[in-house]
N, C-alpha and C. Protein backbone atom coordinates (compact mmCIF):
# COMPACT_ATOMS: atom_id res chain seq x y z
N MET A 1 16.62 -14.93 25.48
CA MET A 1 15.75 -16.02 24.78
C MET A 1 16.13 -15.68 23.27
N ASP A 2 17.20 -15.53 23.02
CA ASP A 2 17.20 -14.94 21.26
C ASP A 2 16.38 -16.68 20.07
N VAL A 3 15.53 -16.33 19.56
CA VAL A 3 14.53 -16.72 19.03
C VAL A 3 15.03 -16.25 16.88
N SER A 4 16.60 -15.87 16.98
CA SER A 4 17.31 -15.58 15.63
C SER A 4 16.49 -15.15 14.98
N GLY A 5 15.46 -13.77 15.22
CA GLY A 5 15.34 -12.47 14.71
C GLY A 5 13.64 -12.87 15.16
N THR A 6 12.77 -12.15 14.68
CA THR A 6 10.91 -11.88 14.66
C THR A 6 10.60 -13.13 13.57
N LEU A 7 11.02 -12.55 12.42
CA LEU A 7 10.05 -13.41 12.00
C LEU A 7 10.98 -14.66 11.23
N ALA A 8 11.93 -15.25 11.97
CA ALA A 8 11.68 -16.40 12.04
C ALA A 8 10.98 -17.54 13.12
N TYR A 9 10.38 -17.36 13.77
CA TYR A 9 9.85 -17.40 14.87
C TYR A 9 8.58 -17.24 14.28
N LEU A 10 8.09 -16.09 13.74
CA LEU A 10 6.66 -16.58 13.14
C LEU A 10 6.58 -17.17 12.74
N SER A 11 7.61 -17.38 11.00
CA SER A 11 7.22 -17.75 10.30
C SER A 11 6.00 -19.07 10.44
N GLY A 12 5.69 -18.88 9.07
CA GLY A 12 4.29 -20.73 9.02
C GLY A 12 2.69 -20.11 9.40
N ASP A 13 2.00 -21.21 10.03
CA ASP A 13 0.50 -21.01 10.29
C ASP A 13 0.28 -20.91 12.26
N TRP A 14 -0.61 -20.42 12.06
CA TRP A 14 -0.75 -20.91 13.70
C TRP A 14 -2.55 -20.77 14.04
N ARG A 15 -3.05 -21.14 15.17
CA ARG A 15 -4.34 -21.41 15.05
C ARG A 15 -4.50 -19.92 16.15
N LEU A 16 -5.27 -19.22 16.23
CA LEU A 16 -5.78 -17.73 16.62
C LEU A 16 -6.75 -17.98 17.77
N GLU A 17 -7.31 -17.10 18.49
CA GLU A 17 -8.21 -16.97 19.45
C GLU A 17 -7.88 -15.53 19.92
N ARG A 18 -9.26 -14.57 19.95
CA ARG A 18 -8.47 -13.35 20.28
C ARG A 18 -10.42 -12.83 20.94
N LEU A 19 -9.75 -12.80 22.68
CA LEU A 19 -10.76 -12.50 22.90
C LEU A 19 -10.95 -10.91 23.54
N ILE A 20 -12.29 -10.46 23.24
CA ILE A 20 -12.88 -8.77 22.76
C ILE A 20 -13.10 -8.17 24.37
N SER A 21 -13.51 -7.56 24.92
CA SER A 21 -13.68 -7.27 26.32
C SER A 21 -13.96 -5.37 26.14
N ASP A 22 -15.30 -4.69 25.40
CA ASP A 22 -15.33 -3.69 25.37
C ASP A 22 -15.59 -3.07 26.94
N HIS A 23 -14.97 -1.97 27.34
CA HIS A 23 -15.82 -1.50 28.75
C HIS A 23 -16.35 -0.49 28.52
N ARG A 24 -16.52 0.25 27.21
CA ARG A 24 -18.00 0.60 27.30
C ARG A 24 -19.39 0.92 26.86
N THR A 25 -19.01 -0.79 26.19
CA THR A 25 -20.63 -1.45 26.15
C THR A 25 -21.02 -2.25 26.96
N GLY A 26 -19.66 -2.66 27.61
CA GLY A 26 -20.39 -4.04 28.22
C GLY A 26 -20.04 -5.11 27.39
N GLN A 27 -19.16 -5.37 25.86
CA GLN A 27 -20.33 -6.34 25.67
C GLN A 27 -19.05 -7.35 25.36
N GLU A 28 -19.08 -8.39 25.26
CA GLU A 28 -17.59 -9.03 25.06
C GLU A 28 -17.85 -9.83 23.95
N GLY A 29 -16.63 -10.66 23.37
CA GLY A 29 -16.69 -10.96 22.02
C GLY A 29 -15.68 -11.96 22.19
N VAL A 30 -15.14 -12.71 20.65
CA VAL A 30 -14.42 -13.86 20.41
C VAL A 30 -14.24 -13.81 18.67
N PHE A 31 -12.76 -14.19 18.29
CA PHE A 31 -13.14 -14.17 17.24
C PHE A 31 -11.58 -15.25 17.54
N ARG A 32 -12.21 -16.78 16.00
CA ARG A 32 -11.68 -17.79 16.10
C ARG A 32 -11.54 -18.40 15.18
N GLY A 33 -9.67 -18.46 14.23
CA GLY A 33 -9.54 -18.80 13.15
C GLY A 33 -8.14 -19.49 12.79
N GLN A 34 -7.80 -19.07 11.69
CA GLN A 34 -6.17 -18.85 10.93
C GLN A 34 -5.31 -18.03 10.98
N ALA A 35 -3.82 -17.92 11.71
CA ALA A 35 -3.07 -16.79 11.05
C ALA A 35 -2.29 -17.14 10.29
N ARG A 36 -1.85 -16.58 9.16
CA ARG A 36 -0.16 -16.95 8.86
C ARG A 36 0.59 -16.40 8.44
N PHE A 37 1.40 -16.85 8.41
CA PHE A 37 2.54 -15.75 7.96
C PHE A 37 3.75 -16.12 7.24
N ARG A 38 3.46 -15.65 5.92
CA ARG A 38 4.25 -16.57 5.15
C ARG A 38 5.04 -14.83 3.95
N PRO A 39 6.39 -15.01 3.67
CA PRO A 39 7.25 -15.01 2.50
C PRO A 39 6.93 -14.28 2.03
N SER A 40 7.36 -13.49 1.22
CA SER A 40 6.61 -12.32 0.01
C SER A 40 7.99 -12.22 -1.10
N ALA A 41 7.76 -11.58 -1.84
CA ALA A 41 7.99 -11.41 -2.94
C ALA A 41 9.73 -10.75 -2.83
N GLU A 42 9.14 -9.45 -1.07
CA GLU A 42 10.83 -9.37 -0.97
C GLU A 42 11.31 -9.41 -0.26
N ASP A 43 12.74 -9.91 0.01
CA ASP A 43 13.01 -10.36 0.59
C ASP A 43 13.38 -10.25 2.73
N GLN A 44 12.68 -10.39 3.23
CA GLN A 44 12.59 -10.40 4.98
C GLN A 44 11.76 -9.68 5.51
N VAL A 45 10.49 -9.61 4.61
CA VAL A 45 9.26 -9.92 4.40
C VAL A 45 7.97 -10.62 4.84
N LEU A 46 7.02 -11.01 5.99
CA LEU A 46 6.90 -11.48 5.99
C LEU A 46 4.84 -10.75 5.47
N GLU A 47 3.89 -11.61 5.01
CA GLU A 47 2.52 -10.87 4.77
C GLU A 47 1.46 -12.06 6.22
N TYR A 48 1.32 -11.37 6.83
CA TYR A 48 0.47 -11.70 7.76
C TYR A 48 -1.03 -11.44 7.32
N ARG A 49 -1.75 -12.58 7.17
CA ARG A 49 -3.48 -13.01 7.48
C ARG A 49 -4.28 -13.69 8.23
N GLU A 50 -4.37 -13.55 8.73
CA GLU A 50 -5.41 -14.16 9.25
C GLU A 50 -6.99 -13.95 9.01
N ASP A 51 -7.66 -15.07 9.13
CA ASP A 51 -9.41 -15.62 8.79
C ASP A 51 -9.86 -16.06 9.64
N GLY A 52 -11.03 -15.66 10.40
CA GLY A 52 -11.77 -16.75 11.21
C GLY A 52 -13.27 -16.32 11.18
N GLU A 53 -14.17 -16.75 12.46
CA GLU A 53 -15.09 -16.03 12.53
C GLU A 53 -15.62 -15.43 13.59
N LEU A 54 -15.93 -14.09 13.95
CA LEU A 54 -15.93 -13.59 15.28
C LEU A 54 -17.82 -13.26 15.53
N GLU A 55 -17.48 -13.08 16.77
CA GLU A 55 -18.43 -13.15 17.33
C GLU A 55 -18.63 -11.73 18.53
N PHE A 56 -19.82 -11.02 18.10
CA PHE A 56 -19.15 -9.67 18.76
C PHE A 56 -20.75 -8.96 18.85
N GLY A 57 -21.38 -9.08 20.53
CA GLY A 57 -22.52 -8.70 19.84
C GLY A 57 -23.34 -9.13 19.54
N ALA A 58 -24.35 -8.65 18.85
CA ALA A 58 -25.49 -8.52 18.18
C ALA A 58 -24.60 -9.79 16.40
N TYR A 59 -22.64 -9.51 15.76
CA TYR A 59 -22.82 -9.30 15.19
C TYR A 59 -21.66 -11.29 15.22
N ARG A 60 -22.21 -11.73 13.89
CA ARG A 60 -22.32 -13.66 13.94
C ARG A 60 -21.27 -13.79 12.19
N GLY A 61 -19.63 -13.28 12.27
CA GLY A 61 -19.44 -13.99 10.33
C GLY A 61 -17.68 -14.29 10.21
N GLN A 62 -18.36 -13.73 8.94
CA GLN A 62 -15.97 -14.10 9.03
C GLN A 62 -15.61 -12.31 9.14
N ALA A 63 -14.86 -12.93 9.33
CA ALA A 63 -13.26 -11.60 9.61
C ALA A 63 -12.32 -12.16 8.71
N SER A 64 -11.66 -11.13 8.82
CA SER A 64 -10.22 -10.62 8.06
C SER A 64 -8.95 -9.95 8.88
N ARG A 65 -7.88 -10.03 8.36
CA ARG A 65 -7.15 -8.92 8.70
C ARG A 65 -5.94 -9.22 7.53
N SER A 66 -5.19 -7.82 7.74
CA SER A 66 -4.31 -8.40 6.61
C SER A 66 -3.04 -7.70 7.37
N LEU A 67 -1.67 -7.79 7.48
CA LEU A 67 -0.26 -6.18 7.92
C LEU A 67 0.83 -6.92 7.30
N ILE A 68 1.87 -6.63 7.40
CA ILE A 68 3.06 -6.76 6.79
C ILE A 68 4.02 -6.29 7.92
N TYR A 69 5.50 -7.28 8.23
CA TYR A 69 5.88 -7.54 8.90
C TYR A 69 7.16 -7.21 8.08
N CYS A 70 7.93 -6.16 8.37
CA CYS A 70 9.54 -5.69 7.70
C CYS A 70 10.63 -6.47 8.80
N GLY A 71 11.52 -7.43 7.54
CA GLY A 71 12.74 -7.39 9.10
C GLY A 71 13.15 -7.16 8.89
N ARG A 72 13.95 -6.51 10.69
CA ARG A 72 14.86 -5.24 10.43
C ARG A 72 16.87 -5.93 10.69
N SER A 73 17.63 -5.86 10.37
CA SER A 73 18.84 -6.34 10.30
C SER A 73 19.21 -6.34 11.72
N ASP A 74 18.74 -5.62 13.12
CA ASP A 74 19.14 -6.45 14.37
C ASP A 74 18.13 -7.04 14.90
N GLY A 75 16.90 -8.37 14.06
CA GLY A 75 15.95 -8.73 14.49
C GLY A 75 14.79 -8.74 14.38
N ALA A 76 14.29 -7.11 14.91
CA ALA A 76 13.09 -7.07 15.00
C ALA A 76 12.22 -6.66 13.87
N ALA A 77 10.87 -6.39 13.71
CA ALA A 77 9.91 -6.19 12.75
C ALA A 77 9.49 -4.89 12.96
N ASP A 78 9.41 -4.35 11.92
CA ASP A 78 8.53 -3.11 11.59
C ASP A 78 7.45 -3.85 11.00
N VAL A 79 5.97 -3.76 12.24
CA VAL A 79 5.12 -3.91 11.76
C VAL A 79 4.44 -2.83 10.76
N ARG A 80 3.51 -3.03 9.44
CA ARG A 80 2.69 -2.23 8.96
C ARG A 80 1.61 -2.15 9.42
N PHE A 81 0.48 -1.41 8.22
CA PHE A 81 -0.83 -2.00 7.92
C PHE A 81 -0.90 -2.54 6.60
N ALA A 82 -1.60 -3.06 6.09
CA ALA A 82 -1.31 -3.78 4.71
C ALA A 82 -1.82 -2.28 3.71
N ASP A 83 -1.96 -1.57 3.97
CA ASP A 83 -1.87 -0.37 3.22
C ASP A 83 0.42 0.51 3.38
N GLY A 84 0.52 -0.75 3.79
CA GLY A 84 1.88 -0.01 4.51
C GLY A 84 2.29 0.64 5.48
N ARG A 85 1.29 2.17 5.80
CA ARG A 85 1.78 3.16 6.51
C ARG A 85 2.06 1.77 8.42
N GLU A 86 3.10 2.80 8.74
CA GLU A 86 3.52 1.99 10.19
C GLU A 86 2.19 1.78 11.12
N PHE A 87 2.50 0.94 11.47
CA PHE A 87 1.88 0.48 12.88
C PHE A 87 2.29 0.50 13.99
N TYR A 88 3.11 -0.99 14.96
CA TYR A 88 4.76 -0.58 15.72
C TYR A 88 6.06 -1.61 15.07
N ARG A 89 7.30 -1.06 16.39
CA ARG A 89 7.71 -2.27 15.91
C ARG A 89 7.75 -3.09 16.37
N LEU A 90 7.92 -5.20 16.38
CA LEU A 90 7.77 -6.05 17.04
C LEU A 90 9.16 -6.84 17.70
N ASP A 91 9.68 -7.30 18.26
CA ASP A 91 11.15 -8.21 18.99
C ASP A 91 10.97 -9.16 20.07
N LEU A 92 10.72 -10.04 19.14
CA LEU A 92 10.46 -10.57 20.03
C LEU A 92 11.41 -12.35 20.91
N ARG A 93 13.36 -11.05 20.52
CA ARG A 93 14.06 -12.18 21.06
C ARG A 93 14.82 -12.45 22.34
N SER A 94 13.72 -11.29 23.00
CA SER A 94 14.35 -11.83 24.46
C SER A 94 12.74 -12.04 24.73
N GLY A 95 11.98 -12.69 23.99
CA GLY A 95 11.08 -13.77 24.81
C GLY A 95 9.21 -12.57 24.75
N SER A 96 9.65 -11.32 25.06
CA SER A 96 8.34 -10.51 24.82
C SER A 96 8.88 -8.95 24.79
N CYS A 97 7.42 -8.35 23.94
CA CYS A 97 7.61 -6.85 24.19
C CYS A 97 6.42 -6.24 23.92
N ARG A 98 7.56 -4.54 24.33
CA ARG A 98 6.01 -3.69 24.82
C ARG A 98 5.47 -2.89 23.37
N ALA A 99 5.04 -2.26 22.93
CA ALA A 99 4.60 -1.33 21.94
C ALA A 99 3.23 -0.56 22.11
N GLU A 100 3.71 0.82 21.44
CA GLU A 100 2.81 1.49 21.15
C GLU A 100 1.90 2.67 20.40
N HIS A 101 0.61 2.77 19.73
CA HIS A 101 1.40 2.68 18.17
C HIS A 101 0.22 4.26 18.86
N PRO A 102 -0.37 5.59 18.65
CA PRO A 102 -1.13 6.54 18.51
C PRO A 102 -2.08 6.81 16.99
N CYS A 103 -3.02 6.26 17.75
CA CYS A 103 -3.95 6.75 16.50
C CYS A 103 -5.11 7.92 16.87
N ARG A 104 -4.64 8.60 16.20
CA ARG A 104 -5.31 10.00 16.19
C ARG A 104 -6.01 10.87 17.68
N ALA A 105 -6.61 10.60 18.43
CA ALA A 105 -6.63 10.64 20.04
C ALA A 105 -6.85 9.56 21.38
N ASP A 106 -6.64 8.32 20.21
CA ASP A 106 -7.06 7.29 21.35
C ASP A 106 -5.07 6.16 21.13
N GLN A 107 -5.23 5.87 22.09
CA GLN A 107 -3.43 5.20 22.67
C GLN A 107 -4.04 3.83 22.39
N TYR A 108 -2.77 2.65 21.59
CA TYR A 108 -3.16 1.63 21.56
C TYR A 108 -1.83 1.11 22.18
N LEU A 109 -2.11 0.29 23.31
CA LEU A 109 -0.11 -0.71 24.17
C LEU A 109 -0.73 -1.79 23.62
N VAL A 110 0.39 -2.51 23.22
CA VAL A 110 0.83 -3.81 23.01
C VAL A 110 1.56 -3.88 23.73
N THR A 111 1.02 -5.76 23.86
CA THR A 111 2.06 -6.75 24.77
C THR A 111 2.25 -7.50 23.87
N VAL A 112 3.02 -8.59 23.32
CA VAL A 112 3.80 -9.47 23.12
C VAL A 112 4.90 -10.43 23.68
N THR A 113 4.46 -11.58 23.55
CA THR A 113 5.14 -12.57 24.71
C THR A 113 4.59 -13.81 23.61
N ARG A 114 6.59 -13.93 24.22
CA ARG A 114 6.68 -15.64 23.74
C ARG A 114 5.67 -16.65 24.81
N ARG A 115 5.41 -17.41 24.38
CA ARG A 115 4.64 -18.20 26.11
C ARG A 115 5.37 -20.03 26.31
N SER A 116 6.15 -19.83 24.08
CA SER A 116 6.55 -21.39 24.71
C SER A 116 7.19 -21.28 22.86
N PRO A 117 7.82 -22.54 22.50
CA PRO A 117 8.21 -22.73 20.46
C PRO A 117 7.46 -22.62 20.09
N VAL A 118 5.72 -23.14 20.29
CA VAL A 118 4.62 -23.23 19.45
C VAL A 118 4.02 -22.48 20.07
N SER A 119 3.34 -21.04 20.81
CA SER A 119 2.89 -20.71 21.35
C SER A 119 3.06 -18.73 21.79
N PHE A 120 2.11 -18.38 21.60
CA PHE A 120 2.69 -16.46 21.45
C PHE A 120 1.26 -15.62 22.31
N THR A 121 1.19 -14.97 22.79
CA THR A 121 -0.34 -14.08 23.04
C THR A 121 0.63 -12.17 22.68
N GLU A 122 -0.49 -12.21 22.01
CA GLU A 122 -0.98 -10.50 22.20
C GLU A 122 -2.40 -9.62 22.74
N THR A 123 -1.73 -8.80 23.11
CA THR A 123 -2.50 -8.77 23.99
C THR A 123 -2.33 -6.64 24.87
N TRP A 124 -4.12 -6.73 24.08
CA TRP A 124 -4.01 -4.99 23.48
C TRP A 124 -5.17 -4.20 24.91
N ARG A 125 -4.60 -3.45 25.07
CA ARG A 125 -5.26 -2.24 25.39
C ARG A 125 -5.35 -1.01 24.67
N VAL A 126 -6.52 -0.43 24.51
CA VAL A 126 -6.47 0.63 23.87
C VAL A 126 -7.78 1.69 23.99
N ALA A 127 -7.22 2.96 24.97
CA ALA A 127 -8.21 3.53 25.20
C ALA A 127 -8.10 5.37 24.89
N GLY A 128 -9.14 5.75 25.26
CA GLY A 128 -9.06 7.88 24.29
C GLY A 128 -10.03 7.85 24.34
N PRO A 129 -10.58 8.75 24.40
CA PRO A 129 -11.85 9.52 23.66
C PRO A 129 -12.49 8.75 22.74
N GLY A 130 -11.99 8.18 21.92
CA GLY A 130 -12.77 7.48 20.94
C GLY A 130 -13.18 5.94 21.40
N LYS A 131 -12.29 5.02 22.38
CA LYS A 131 -12.24 3.70 22.22
C LYS A 131 -12.32 2.98 23.41
N ASP A 132 -12.42 2.29 24.52
CA ASP A 132 -11.59 1.35 25.64
C ASP A 132 -12.42 0.26 25.16
N TYR A 133 -11.41 -0.97 25.22
CA TYR A 133 -11.19 -2.23 25.27
C TYR A 133 -10.20 -2.95 24.78
N GLU A 134 -10.22 -3.67 25.55
CA GLU A 134 -9.39 -5.48 25.48
C GLU A 134 -8.84 -6.73 24.36
N MET A 135 -8.22 -6.61 24.25
CA MET A 135 -7.99 -7.40 23.17
C MET A 135 -6.85 -8.64 23.63
N THR A 136 -6.51 -10.42 24.26
CA THR A 136 -6.48 -10.70 24.18
C THR A 136 -6.16 -11.95 23.48
N ALA A 137 -4.79 -11.73 21.73
CA ALA A 137 -4.75 -12.48 21.43
C ALA A 137 -3.65 -14.21 21.75
N THR A 138 -4.39 -15.83 21.03
CA THR A 138 -3.26 -16.98 22.03
C THR A 138 -3.18 -17.41 20.51
N TYR A 139 -1.70 -17.54 19.65
CA TYR A 139 -1.56 -18.01 18.55
C TYR A 139 -1.27 -18.51 19.21
N THR A 140 -1.30 -20.37 17.75
CA THR A 140 -0.78 -21.87 18.80
C THR A 140 -0.69 -22.79 17.37
N ARG A 141 0.77 -23.18 17.32
CA ARG A 141 0.82 -24.28 16.26
C ARG A 141 0.35 -25.38 16.31
N PRO A 142 -0.21 -24.94 14.92
CA PRO A 142 -1.59 -26.24 15.04
C PRO A 142 -0.58 -27.61 15.02
N GLY A 143 -1.53 -28.60 15.76
CA GLY A 143 -0.86 -29.67 15.89
C GLY A 143 -0.26 -29.80 17.33
N THR A 144 -0.23 -28.81 17.55
CA THR A 144 0.80 -28.84 19.15
C THR A 144 -0.24 -28.86 20.29
N GLU A 145 -1.29 -28.72 20.40
CA GLU A 145 -2.12 -28.39 21.61
C GLU A 145 -1.70 -29.74 22.64
């Protein structure tokens, strides 16, 4: 399932819903909003921005996040935090990708799966001495529901 590169598939606007389950506290939450992958001034780079509303525990309010997706010559992308630090490598050409990101003593495992040309999911499992939670995000192109 070659998508002519990960950046080509991701580029544009997405509707986003992320379900959160904290296994330590038993709290459940949801983030609903928009995600945008926009080309930057640099060739083969997408700037990612999500904005929406987070409901988690007693918190209800606006939330946002920014990342940088740097295209690779093999069609994959290096995902970086907004400050440029390495996060993980994403390759959706085959339809699914697994990656990990160690953060101090905690381990972040992600599976990203293309569901269709207009939908993909991102599932995080985070475990370690500091954290124990799962998050599943569903991205869908607006107007394709």
